[in-house]
PDB file of all heavy atoms in Angstrom:
ATOM      1  N   PRO A   1      93.372 101.638  93.653  1.00  0.00           N
ATOM      2  CA  PRO A   1      93.810 103.005  93.936  1.00  0.00           C
ATOM      3  C   PRO A   1      93.038 104.000  93.086  1.00  0.00           C
ATOM      4  O   PRO A   1      92.220 103.630  92.259  1.00  0.00           O
ATOM      5  CB  PRO A   1      95.290 102.980  93.567  1.00  0.00           C
ATOM      6  CG  PRO A   1      95.366 101.951  92.488  1.00  0.00           C
ATOM      7  CD  PRO A   1      94.338 100.905  92.859  1.00  0.00           C
ATOM      8  N   ALA A   2      93.339 105.269  93.294  1.00  0.00           N
ATOM      9  CA  ALA A   2      92.721 106.324  92.497  1.00  0.00           C
ATOM     10  C   ALA A   2      93.128 106.167  91.037  1.00  0.00           C
ATOM     11  O   ALA A   2      94.178 105.610  90.714  1.00  0.00           O
ATOM     12  CB  ALA A   2      93.150 107.682  93.016  1.00  0.00           C
ATOM     13  N   ALA A   3      92.313 106.650  90.143  1.00  0.00           N
ATOM     14  CA  ALA A   3      92.612 106.549  88.708  1.00  0.00           C
ATOM     15  C   ALA A   3      93.868 107.344  88.376  1.00  0.00           C
ATOM     16  O   ALA A   3      94.178 108.353  89.000  1.00  0.00           O
ATOM     17  CB  ALA A   3      91.427 107.061  87.903  1.00  0.00           C
ATOM     18  N   MET A   4      94.577 106.895  87.375  1.00  0.00           N
ATOM     19  CA  MET A   4      95.842 107.528  87.008  1.00  0.00           C
ATOM     20  C   MET A   4      95.646 108.854  86.280  1.00  0.00           C
ATOM     21  O   MET A   4      96.556 109.654  86.203  1.00  0.00           O
ATOM     22  CB  MET A   4      96.665 106.582  86.118  1.00  0.00           C
ATOM     23  CG  MET A   4      97.060 105.319  86.829  1.00  0.00           C
ATOM     24  SD  MET A   4      98.038 105.727  88.267  1.00  0.00           S
ATOM     25  CE  MET A   4      98.148 104.159  89.045  1.00  0.00           C
ATOM     26  N   ASP A   5      94.467 109.099  85.721  1.00  0.00           N
ATOM     27  CA  ASP A   5      94.255 110.319  84.952  1.00  0.00           C
ATOM     28  C   ASP A   5      93.822 111.503  85.804  1.00  0.00           C
ATOM     29  O   ASP A   5      93.576 112.576  85.299  1.00  0.00           O
ATOM     30  CB  ASP A   5      93.222 110.074  83.849  1.00  0.00           C
ATOM     31  CG  ASP A   5      91.877 109.637  84.405  1.00  0.00           C
ATOM     32  OD1 ASP A   5      91.819 109.214  85.573  1.00  0.00           O
ATOM     33  OD2 ASP A   5      90.894 109.702  83.650  1.00  0.00           O
ATOM     34  N   GLU A   6      93.735 111.337  87.132  1.00  0.00           N
ATOM     35  CA  GLU A   6      93.349 112.438  87.996  1.00  0.00           C
ATOM     36  C   GLU A   6      94.525 113.384  88.188  1.00  0.00           C
ATOM     37  O   GLU A   6      95.674 112.957  88.249  1.00  0.00           O
ATOM     38  CB  GLU A   6      92.886 111.911  89.352  1.00  0.00           C
ATOM     39  CG  GLU A   6      91.578 111.174  89.279  1.00  0.00           C
ATOM     40  CD  GLU A   6      91.133 110.709  90.654  1.00  0.00           C
ATOM     41  OE1 GLU A   6      91.855 110.959  91.630  1.00  0.00           O
ATOM     42  OE2 GLU A   6      90.069 110.104  90.733  1.00  0.00           O
ATOM     43  N   PRO A   7      94.266 114.682  88.294  1.00  0.00           N
ATOM     44  CA  PRO A   7      95.355 115.642  88.482  1.00  0.00           C
ATOM     45  C   PRO A   7      95.891 115.598  89.913  1.00  0.00           C
ATOM     46  O   PRO A   7      95.204 115.187  90.832  1.00  0.00           O
ATOM     47  CB  PRO A   7      94.695 116.988  88.201  1.00  0.00           C
ATOM     48  CG  PRO A   7      93.262 116.757  88.557  1.00  0.00           C
ATOM     49  CD  PRO A   7      92.980 115.333  88.180  1.00  0.00           C
ATOM     50  N   ALA A   8      97.120 115.995  90.059  1.00  0.00           N
ATOM     51  CA  ALA A   8      97.715 116.077  91.381  1.00  0.00           C
ATOM     52  C   ALA A   8      97.111 117.261  92.128  1.00  0.00           C
ATOM     53  O   ALA A   8      96.764 118.271  91.537  1.00  0.00           O
ATOM     54  CB  ALA A   8      99.224 116.246  91.258  1.00  0.00           C
ATOM     55  N   THR A   9      96.955 117.112  93.433  1.00  0.00           N
ATOM     56  CA  THR A   9      96.335 118.145  94.242  1.00  0.00           C
ATOM     57  C   THR A   9      97.388 118.805  95.112  1.00  0.00           C
ATOM     58  O   THR A   9      98.213 118.140  95.722  1.00  0.00           O
ATOM     59  CB  THR A   9      95.254 117.530  95.147  1.00  0.00           C
ATOM     60  OG1 THR A   9      94.316 116.870  94.312  1.00  0.00           O
ATOM     61  CG2 THR A   9      94.549 118.589  95.944  1.00  0.00           C
ATOM     62  N   ALA A  10      97.362 120.147  95.175  1.00  0.00           N
ATOM     63  CA  ALA A  10      98.310 120.876  95.999  1.00  0.00           C
ATOM     64  C   ALA A  10      97.752 120.995  97.412  1.00  0.00           C
ATOM     65  O   ALA A  10      96.592 121.335  97.603  1.00  0.00           O
ATOM     66  CB  ALA A  10      98.561 122.259  95.429  1.00  0.00           C
ATOM     67  N   ILE A  11      98.579 120.704  98.404  1.00  0.00           N
ATOM     68  CA  ILE A  11      98.195 120.796  99.801  1.00  0.00           C
ATOM     69  C   ILE A  11      99.145 121.763 100.476  1.00  0.00           C
ATOM     70  O   ILE A  11     100.363 121.657 100.345  1.00  0.00           O
ATOM     71  CB  ILE A  11      98.252 119.418 100.480  1.00  0.00           C
ATOM     72  CG1 ILE A  11      97.274 118.463  99.804  1.00  0.00           C
ATOM     73  CG2 ILE A  11      97.963 119.548 101.968  1.00  0.00           C
ATOM     74  CD1 ILE A  11      97.311 117.069 100.347  1.00  0.00           C
ATOM     75  N   LEU A  12      98.593 122.730 101.214  1.00  0.00           N
ATOM     76  CA  LEU A  12      99.424 123.698 101.908  1.00  0.00           C
ATOM     77  C   LEU A  12     100.101 123.050 103.101  1.00  0.00           C
ATOM     78  O   LEU A  12      99.583 122.134 103.718  1.00  0.00           O
ATOM     79  CB  LEU A  12      98.582 124.879 102.380  1.00  0.00           C
ATOM     80  CG  LEU A  12      98.003 125.776 101.294  1.00  0.00           C
ATOM     81  CD1 LEU A  12      97.166 126.865 101.930  1.00  0.00           C
ATOM     82  CD2 LEU A  12      99.099 126.364 100.455  1.00  0.00           C
ATOM     83  N   HIS A  13     101.278 123.533 103.398  1.00  0.00           N
ATOM     84  CA  HIS A  13     102.034 123.056 104.536  1.00  0.00           C
ATOM     85  C   HIS A  13     101.247 123.383 105.805  1.00  0.00           C
ATOM     86  O   HIS A  13     100.628 124.432 105.905  1.00  0.00           O
ATOM     87  CB  HIS A  13     103.411 123.739 104.541  1.00  0.00           C
ATOM     88  CG  HIS A  13     104.365 123.104 105.473  1.00  0.00           C
ATOM     89  ND1 HIS A  13     104.477 123.501 106.772  1.00  0.00           N
ATOM     90  CD2 HIS A  13     105.238 122.076 105.312  1.00  0.00           C
ATOM     91  CE1 HIS A  13     105.392 122.766 107.377  1.00  0.00           C
ATOM     92  NE2 HIS A  13     105.878 121.904 106.497  1.00  0.00           N
ATOM     93  N   PRO A  14     101.242 122.536 106.825  1.00  0.00           N
ATOM     94  CA  PRO A  14     100.438 122.790 108.015  1.00  0.00           C
ATOM     95  C   PRO A  14     100.851 124.033 108.801  1.00  0.00           C
ATOM     96  O   PRO A  14     100.110 124.510 109.641  1.00  0.00           O
ATOM     97  CB  PRO A  14     100.612 121.531 108.843  1.00  0.00           C
ATOM     98  CG  PRO A  14     101.752 120.805 108.283  1.00  0.00           C
ATOM     99  CD  PRO A  14     101.920 121.252 106.879  1.00  0.00           C
ATOM    100  N   THR A  15     102.043 124.594 108.537  1.00  0.00           N
ATOM    101  CA  THR A  15     102.470 125.783 109.272  1.00  0.00           C
ATOM    102  C   THR A  15     102.015 127.069 108.611  1.00  0.00           C
ATOM    103  O   THR A  15     102.293 128.143 109.122  1.00  0.00           O
ATOM    104  CB  THR A  15     104.002 125.806 109.405  1.00  0.00           C
ATOM    105  OG1 THR A  15     104.572 125.819 108.094  1.00  0.00           O
ATOM    106  CG2 THR A  15     104.493 124.606 110.185  1.00  0.00           C
ATOM    107  N   ALA A  16     101.309 126.985 107.503  1.00  0.00           N
ATOM    108  CA  ALA A  16     100.850 128.192 106.823  1.00  0.00           C
ATOM    109  C   ALA A  16      99.794 128.887 107.675  1.00  0.00           C
ATOM    110  O   ALA A  16      98.886 128.262 108.197  1.00  0.00           O
ATOM    111  CB  ALA A  16     100.270 127.857 105.463  1.00  0.00           C
ATOM    112  N   LYS A  17      99.933 130.180 107.863  1.00  0.00           N
ATOM    113  CA  LYS A  17      98.995 130.951 108.674  1.00  0.00           C
ATOM    114  C   LYS A  17      97.800 131.366 107.817  1.00  0.00           C
ATOM    115  O   LYS A  17      97.903 131.474 106.607  1.00  0.00           O
ATOM    116  CB  LYS A  17      99.690 132.178 109.239  1.00  0.00           C
ATOM    117  CG  LYS A  17     100.813 131.832 110.183  1.00  0.00           C
ATOM    118  CD  LYS A  17     101.500 133.072 110.682  1.00  0.00           C
ATOM    119  CE  LYS A  17     102.669 132.689 111.573  1.00  0.00           C
ATOM    120  NZ  LYS A  17     103.515 133.813 111.869  1.00  0.00           N
ATOM    121  N   THR A  18      96.701 131.628 108.457  1.00  0.00           N
ATOM    122  CA  THR A  18      95.517 132.050 107.720  1.00  0.00           C
ATOM    123  C   THR A  18      95.764 133.427 107.124  1.00  0.00           C
ATOM    124  O   THR A  18      96.305 134.315 107.777  1.00  0.00           O
ATOM    125  CB  THR A  18      94.287 132.104 108.645  1.00  0.00           C
ATOM    126  OG1 THR A  18      94.562 132.988 109.721  1.00  0.00           O
ATOM    127  CG2 THR A  18      93.933 130.737 109.181  1.00  0.00           C
ATOM    128  N   GLY A  19      95.356 133.597 105.884  1.00  0.00           N
ATOM    129  CA  GLY A  19      95.538 134.867 105.199  1.00  0.00           C
ATOM    130  C   GLY A  19      96.920 135.017 104.584  1.00  0.00           C
ATOM    131  O   GLY A  19      97.201 135.977 103.888  1.00  0.00           O
ATOM    132  N   GLU A  20      97.804 134.088 104.831  1.00  0.00           N
ATOM    133  CA  GLU A  20      99.168 134.160 104.285  1.00  0.00           C
ATOM    134  C   GLU A  20      99.197 133.474 102.940  1.00  0.00           C
ATOM    135  O   GLU A  20      98.632 132.403 102.759  1.00  0.00           O
ATOM    136  CB  GLU A  20     100.128 133.455 105.264  1.00  0.00           C
ATOM    137  CG  GLU A  20     101.571 133.472 104.829  1.00  0.00           C
ATOM    138  CD  GLU A  20     102.429 132.739 105.851  1.00  0.00           C
ATOM    139  OE1 GLU A  20     102.530 133.213 106.982  1.00  0.00           O
ATOM    140  OE2 GLU A  20     102.963 131.683 105.484  1.00  0.00           O
ATOM    141  N   GLY A  21      99.835 134.088 101.976  1.00  0.00           N
ATOM    142  CA  GLY A  21      99.936 133.499 100.655  1.00  0.00           C
ATOM    143  C   GLY A  21     100.874 132.306 100.662  1.00  0.00           C
ATOM    144  O   GLY A  21     101.850 132.250 101.411  1.00  0.00           O
ATOM    145  N   ALA A  22     100.575 131.327  99.836  1.00  0.00           N
ATOM    146  CA  ALA A  22     101.406 130.127  99.788  1.00  0.00           C
ATOM    147  C   ALA A  22     102.670 130.386  98.978  1.00  0.00           C
ATOM    148  O   ALA A  22     102.645 131.055  97.960  1.00  0.00           O
ATOM    149  CB  ALA A  22     100.614 129.000  99.161  1.00  0.00           C
ATOM    150  N   THR A  23     103.763 129.859  99.454  1.00  0.00           N
ATOM    151  CA  THR A  23     105.022 129.941  98.718  1.00  0.00           C
ATOM    152  C   THR A  23     105.381 128.553  98.224  1.00  0.00           C
ATOM    153  O   THR A  23     104.809 127.549  98.652  1.00  0.00           O
ATOM    154  CB  THR A  23     106.147 130.482  99.621  1.00  0.00           C
ATOM    155  OG1 THR A  23     106.342 129.564 100.697  1.00  0.00           O
ATOM    156  CG2 THR A  23     105.805 131.852 100.166  1.00  0.00           C
ATOM    157  N   ARG A  24     106.350 128.463  97.304  1.00  0.00           N
ATOM    158  CA  ARG A  24     106.737 127.155  96.770  1.00  0.00           C
ATOM    159  C   ARG A  24     107.291 126.245  97.853  1.00  0.00           C
ATOM    160  O   ARG A  24     107.115 125.038  97.781  1.00  0.00           O
ATOM    161  CB  ARG A  24     107.766 127.322  95.669  1.00  0.00           C
ATOM    162  CG  ARG A  24     107.157 127.754  94.384  1.00  0.00           C
ATOM    163  CD  ARG A  24     108.052 127.318  93.235  1.00  0.00           C
ATOM    164  NE  ARG A  24     107.563 127.916  92.048  1.00  0.00           N
ATOM    165  CZ  ARG A  24     106.651 127.346  91.266  1.00  0.00           C
ATOM    166  NH1 ARG A  24     106.202 126.169  91.552  1.00  0.00           N
ATOM    167  NH2 ARG A  24     106.219 127.951  90.200  1.00  0.00           N
TER     168      ARG A  24
END
């Protein structure tokens, strides 16, 4: 698997519209 020391990556929800800011 991937190394354990790699940072977690944030992925936007697929319903996010272009130009729209991401919310929690």
